[in-house]
Each structure stands twice: as structure tokens, then as C-alpha cells.
Amino acid sequence: MALFFLIPLCTALATGYFFKKSNDELAYIAGVFAAISLIFSLVLAPWQIQFGLLIIVLIITNRLLQENESKQTQSKRQQFRQTK
């Protein structure tokens, strides 16, 4: 497995750290560069890592949707009780 994707990933982490610690305009440029490097490293990542990240995102999204639906159901019940 080629590990070339680690180079832009480490660059993204380093520039992200710089973005958090700095307050001037250069920090915004570093933040944009960190985002681009992170996307580039995900493109270069092997399919096993991309597949693993996809599974993690799907699981987290499913849990968040379930929590949102339960909150909406509770709010609808409260509104129904108030209108009675």
C-alpha cells in the first residue's frame, strides 16, 4: 500500500495547527491550504482507507438522523399537547 497520501495529510495537520494558533490574515491562507491538502490526501488515499471513512460517515450520519427525528417527534408531541 502506497503511503504517498501521508505527505499532504501531514501538511494539512501542520497548517491547521498554524491556523488555530495565529490571528492574522496569513492564518486564513493557511486554513485554505490545510483544507485543500486534506482533500488532496483523501483523493490519494488507498481504497481501503476511503472505504473505511465512508462506512464511518454513514454510521455517524445515520445516528444523527435518528437523533434529529426523535427530537422532531418530541417537539410535535409537545405542540399537540399544548393545543389540546
C-alpha atoms as a PDB file:
ATOM      1  CA  MET A   1       0.000   0.000   0.000  1.00  0.00           C
ATOM      2  CA  ALA A   2       1.468   3.323  -1.055  1.00  0.00           C
ATOM      3  CA  LEU A   3       1.691   5.891   1.704  1.00  0.00           C
ATOM      4  CA  PHE A   4       2.019   8.975  -0.506  1.00  0.00           C
ATOM      5  CA  PHE A   5      -1.219  10.338   0.899  1.00  0.00           C
ATOM      6  CA  LEU A   6       0.503  10.931   4.250  1.00  0.00           C
ATOM      7  CA  ILE A   7       2.557  13.833   2.858  1.00  0.00           C
ATOM      8  CA  PRO A   8      -0.415  16.159   2.148  1.00  0.00           C
ATOM      9  CA  LEU A   9      -2.133  14.862   5.287  1.00  0.00           C
ATOM     10  CA  CYS A  10       0.790  15.887   7.495  1.00  0.00           C
ATOM     11  CA  THR A  11       0.959  19.200   5.658  1.00  0.00           C
ATOM     12  CA  ALA A  12      -2.742  19.739   6.318  1.00  0.00           C
ATOM     13  CA  LEU A  13      -2.313  18.957  10.008  1.00  0.00           C
ATOM     14  CA  ALA A  14       0.660  21.314  10.343  1.00  0.00           C
ATOM     15  CA  THR A  15      -1.066  24.194   8.555  1.00  0.00           C
ATOM     16  CA  GLY A  16      -4.254  23.535  10.527  1.00  0.00           C
ATOM     17  CA  TYR A  17      -2.271  23.884  13.739  1.00  0.00           C
ATOM     18  CA  PHE A  18      -0.803  27.139  12.426  1.00  0.00           C
ATOM     19  CA  PHE A  19      -4.315  28.314  11.564  1.00  0.00           C
ATOM     20  CA  LYS A  20      -5.515  27.702  15.138  1.00  0.00           C
ATOM     21  CA  LYS A  21      -2.529  29.433  16.769  1.00  0.00           C
ATOM     22  CA  SER A  22      -2.350  32.527  14.543  1.00  0.00           C
ATOM     23  CA  ASN A  23      -4.702  35.502  14.397  1.00  0.00           C
ATOM     24  CA  ASP A  24      -3.562  37.446  11.334  1.00  0.00           C
ATOM     25  CA  GLU A  25      -4.588  37.215   7.680  1.00  0.00           C
ATOM     26  CA  LEU A  26      -1.909  34.628   6.974  1.00  0.00           C
ATOM     27  CA  ALA A  27      -3.878  32.222   9.148  1.00  0.00           C
ATOM     28  CA  TYR A  28      -6.798  32.302   6.709  1.00  0.00           C
ATOM     29  CA  ILE A  29      -4.492  31.393   3.831  1.00  0.00           C
ATOM     30  CA  ALA A  30      -3.075  28.575   5.951  1.00  0.00           C
ATOM     31  CA  GLY A  31      -6.605  27.352   6.672  1.00  0.00           C
ATOM     32  CA  VAL A  32      -7.484  27.246   2.986  1.00  0.00           C
ATOM     33  CA  PHE A  33      -4.225  25.434   2.237  1.00  0.00           C
ATOM     34  CA  ALA A  34      -4.977  22.940   5.032  1.00  0.00           C
ATOM     35  CA  ALA A  35      -8.432  22.211   3.596  1.00  0.00           C
ATOM     36  CA  ILE A  36      -7.046  21.720   0.091  1.00  0.00           C
ATOM     37  CA  SER A  37      -4.276  19.458   1.399  1.00  0.00           C
ATOM     38  CA  LEU A  38      -6.768  17.389   3.371  1.00  0.00           C
ATOM     39  CA  ILE A  39      -8.966  16.870   0.319  1.00  0.00           C
ATOM     40  CA  PHE A  40      -5.921  16.020  -1.789  1.00  0.00           C
ATOM     41  CA  SER A  41      -4.741  13.456   0.772  1.00  0.00           C
ATOM     42  CA  LEU A  42      -8.181  11.818   0.780  1.00  0.00           C
ATOM     43  CA  VAL A  43      -8.051  11.563  -3.013  1.00  0.00           C
ATOM     44  CA  LEU A  44      -4.612   9.940  -2.854  1.00  0.00           C
ATOM     45  CA  ALA A  45      -5.552   7.560  -0.031  1.00  0.00           C
ATOM     46  CA  PRO A  46      -5.867   3.849  -0.837  1.00  0.00           C
ATOM     47  CA  TRP A  47      -9.334   2.467  -1.384  1.00  0.00           C
ATOM     48  CA  GLN A  48      -9.294   0.616   1.950  1.00  0.00           C
ATOM     49  CA  ILE A  49      -8.943   3.875   3.864  1.00  0.00           C
ATOM     50  CA  GLN A  50     -11.530   5.633   1.689  1.00  0.00           C
ATOM     51  CA  PHE A  51     -13.942   2.748   2.224  1.00  0.00           C
ATOM     52  CA  GLY A  52     -13.376   2.834   5.980  1.00  0.00           C
ATOM     53  CA  LEU A  53     -14.025   6.569   6.099  1.00  0.00           C
ATOM     54  CA  LEU A  54     -17.181   6.095   4.034  1.00  0.00           C
ATOM     55  CA  ILE A  55     -18.504   3.494   6.490  1.00  0.00           C
ATOM     56  CA  ILE A  56     -17.724   5.769   9.452  1.00  0.00           C
ATOM     57  CA  VAL A  57     -19.505   8.711   7.797  1.00  0.00           C
ATOM     58  CA  LEU A  58     -22.559   6.589   7.010  1.00  0.00           C
ATOM     59  CA  ILE A  59     -22.804   5.309  10.593  1.00  0.00           C
ATOM     60  CA  ILE A  60     -22.439   8.789  12.092  1.00  0.00           C
ATOM     61  CA  THR A  61     -24.956  10.263   9.637  1.00  0.00           C
ATOM     62  CA  ASN A  62     -27.478   7.539  10.439  1.00  0.00           C
ATOM     63  CA  ARG A  63     -27.161   8.173  14.189  1.00  0.00           C
ATOM     64  CA  LEU A  64     -27.524  11.930  13.743  1.00  0.00           C
ATOM     65  CA  LEU A  65     -30.636  11.454  11.600  1.00  0.00           C
ATOM     66  CA  GLN A  66     -32.186   9.206  14.244  1.00  0.00           C
ATOM     67  CA  GLU A  67     -31.490  11.781  16.973  1.00  0.00           C
ATOM     68  CA  ASN A  68     -32.966  14.560  14.825  1.00  0.00           C
ATOM     69  CA  GLU A  69     -36.098  12.537  14.100  1.00  0.00           C
ATOM     70  CA  SER A  70     -36.615  11.767  17.785  1.00  0.00           C
ATOM     71  CA  LYS A  71     -36.272  15.476  18.664  1.00  0.00           C
ATOM     72  CA  GLN A  72     -38.803  16.409  15.988  1.00  0.00           C
ATOM     73  CA  THR A  73     -41.220  13.758  17.234  1.00  0.00           C
ATOM     74  CA  GLN A  74     -40.917  15.045  20.806  1.00  0.00           C
ATOM     75  CA  SER A  75     -41.487  18.646  19.734  1.00  0.00           C
ATOM     76  CA  LYS A  76     -44.573  17.648  17.723  1.00  0.00           C
ATOM     77  CA  ARG A  77     -45.974  15.804  20.750  1.00  0.00           C
ATOM     78  CA  GLN A  78     -45.419  18.860  22.943  1.00  0.00           C
ATOM     79  CA  GLN A  79     -47.121  21.117  20.412  1.00  0.00           C
ATOM     80  CA  PHE A  80     -50.047  18.702  20.191  1.00  0.00           C
ATOM     81  CA  ARG A  81     -50.391  18.687  23.994  1.00  0.00           C
ATOM     82  CA  GLN A  82     -50.326  22.471  24.137  1.00  0.00           C
ATOM     83  CA  THR A  83     -53.096  22.821  21.551  1.00  0.00           C
ATOM     84  CA  LYS A  84     -55.437  20.471  23.487  1.00  0.00           C
END
